[in-house]
Amino acid sequence: MHENDISYKIIGATIEIHKNIGPGLLESAYENVLAFDLKRWGLK
């Protein structure tokens, strides 16, 4: 996978997380959700 594809997936995931969860949580909450999503998509 090309680095641009990886960046596109990460940015897309962060936007979706923010849309679904919303603002106001601790950074660690967003980090855990992002890590879960990226692992689910096969990224380490």
N, C-alpha and C. Protein backbone atom coordinates (compact mmCIF):
# COMPACT_ATOMS: atom_id res chain seq x y z
N MET A 1 0.85 -1.17 0.00
CA MET A 1 0.00 0.00 0.00
C MET A 1 0.90 1.24 0.00
N HIS A 2 0.56 2.19 -0.81
CA HIS A 2 1.33 3.42 -0.94
C HIS A 2 1.06 4.35 0.24
N GLU A 3 2.04 5.16 0.58
CA GLU A 3 1.89 6.04 1.75
C GLU A 3 0.75 7.03 1.60
N ASN A 4 0.44 7.45 0.39
CA ASN A 4 -0.71 8.35 0.20
C ASN A 4 -2.02 7.64 0.52
N ASP A 5 -2.11 6.35 0.19
CA ASP A 5 -3.31 5.57 0.52
C ASP A 5 -3.48 5.45 2.03
N ILE A 6 -2.38 5.23 2.71
CA ILE A 6 -2.42 5.11 4.17
C ILE A 6 -2.86 6.44 4.79
N SER A 7 -2.29 7.54 4.31
CA SER A 7 -2.67 8.86 4.83
C SER A 7 -4.14 9.14 4.59
N TYR A 8 -4.62 8.79 3.41
CA TYR A 8 -6.03 9.00 3.08
C TYR A 8 -6.93 8.23 4.03
N LYS A 9 -6.58 6.99 4.34
CA LYS A 9 -7.38 6.18 5.26
C LYS A 9 -7.36 6.75 6.68
N ILE A 10 -6.20 7.18 7.13
CA ILE A 10 -6.08 7.73 8.48
C ILE A 10 -6.90 9.01 8.61
N ILE A 11 -6.78 9.90 7.65
CA ILE A 11 -7.52 11.16 7.72
C ILE A 11 -9.02 10.89 7.64
N GLY A 12 -9.42 9.99 6.75
CA GLY A 12 -10.84 9.64 6.65
C GLY A 12 -11.37 9.05 7.94
N ALA A 13 -10.56 8.20 8.57
CA ALA A 13 -10.98 7.58 9.83
C ALA A 13 -11.15 8.62 10.92
N THR A 14 -10.23 9.57 11.00
CA THR A 14 -10.33 10.57 12.06
C THR A 14 -11.56 11.47 11.86
N ILE A 15 -11.88 11.78 10.62
CA ILE A 15 -13.08 12.59 10.35
C ILE A 15 -14.34 11.82 10.73
N GLU A 16 -14.41 10.55 10.38
CA GLU A 16 -15.58 9.74 10.72
C GLU A 16 -15.72 9.57 12.23
N ILE A 17 -14.61 9.37 12.91
CA ILE A 17 -14.66 9.24 14.37
C ILE A 17 -15.20 10.52 14.99
N HIS A 18 -14.72 11.65 14.53
CA HIS A 18 -15.18 12.92 15.08
C HIS A 18 -16.66 13.14 14.79
N LYS A 19 -17.11 12.75 13.61
CA LYS A 19 -18.53 12.88 13.27
C LYS A 19 -19.40 12.00 14.17
N ASN A 20 -18.95 10.76 14.41
CA ASN A 20 -19.75 9.80 15.17
C ASN A 20 -19.69 10.03 16.67
N ILE A 21 -18.54 10.34 17.20
CA ILE A 21 -18.38 10.49 18.64
C ILE A 21 -18.60 11.93 19.08
N GLY A 22 -18.13 12.85 18.26
CA GLY A 22 -18.28 14.27 18.58
C GLY A 22 -17.12 14.80 19.40
N PRO A 23 -17.14 16.08 19.66
CA PRO A 23 -16.06 16.72 20.42
C PRO A 23 -16.24 16.54 21.92
N GLY A 24 -15.17 16.86 22.65
CA GLY A 24 -15.27 16.95 24.10
C GLY A 24 -14.68 15.80 24.89
N LEU A 25 -14.23 14.75 24.22
CA LEU A 25 -13.63 13.64 24.95
C LEU A 25 -12.13 13.85 25.10
N LEU A 26 -11.54 13.08 25.97
CA LEU A 26 -10.10 13.12 26.10
C LEU A 26 -9.44 12.56 24.85
N GLU A 27 -8.24 13.03 24.58
CA GLU A 27 -7.51 12.58 23.40
C GLU A 27 -7.33 11.06 23.41
N SER A 28 -7.14 10.47 24.58
CA SER A 28 -6.93 9.02 24.67
C SER A 28 -8.14 8.24 24.17
N ALA A 29 -9.34 8.78 24.33
CA ALA A 29 -10.54 8.10 23.83
C ALA A 29 -10.52 8.04 22.31
N TYR A 30 -10.19 9.17 21.68
CA TYR A 30 -10.10 9.20 20.22
C TYR A 30 -8.97 8.30 19.72
N GLU A 31 -7.88 8.30 20.45
CA GLU A 31 -6.73 7.46 20.07
C GLU A 31 -7.10 5.98 20.10
N ASN A 32 -7.83 5.56 21.11
CA ASN A 32 -8.23 4.15 21.20
C ASN A 32 -9.17 3.75 20.08
N VAL A 33 -10.11 4.62 19.76
CA VAL A 33 -11.05 4.32 18.67
C VAL A 33 -10.31 4.28 17.34
N LEU A 34 -9.40 5.22 17.12
CA LEU A 34 -8.63 5.25 15.89
C LEU A 34 -7.77 3.99 15.75
N ALA A 35 -7.12 3.58 16.83
CA ALA A 35 -6.30 2.37 16.79
C ALA A 35 -7.15 1.15 16.46
N PHE A 36 -8.33 1.07 17.05
CA PHE A 36 -9.24 -0.04 16.77
C PHE A 36 -9.63 -0.07 15.30
N ASP A 37 -10.02 1.08 14.76
CA ASP A 37 -10.43 1.15 13.36
C ASP A 37 -9.28 0.80 12.41
N LEU A 38 -8.10 1.32 12.69
CA LEU A 38 -6.97 1.05 11.81
C LEU A 38 -6.58 -0.42 11.83
N LYS A 39 -6.64 -1.05 12.99
CA LYS A 39 -6.37 -2.50 13.07
C LYS A 39 -7.41 -3.29 12.32
N ARG A 40 -8.65 -2.85 12.41
CA ARG A 40 -9.75 -3.54 11.72
C ARG A 40 -9.54 -3.48 10.20
N TRP A 41 -8.95 -2.40 9.72
CA TRP A 41 -8.70 -2.23 8.30
C TRP A 41 -7.38 -2.85 7.85
N GLY A 42 -6.67 -3.50 8.77
CA GLY A 42 -5.45 -4.19 8.41
C GLY A 42 -4.19 -3.36 8.50
N LEU A 43 -4.26 -2.19 9.12
CA LEU A 43 -3.06 -1.36 9.30
C LEU A 43 -2.50 -1.58 10.70
N LYS A 44 -1.20 -1.52 10.82
CA LYS A 44 -0.56 -1.74 12.12
C LYS A 44 -0.29 -0.43 12.82
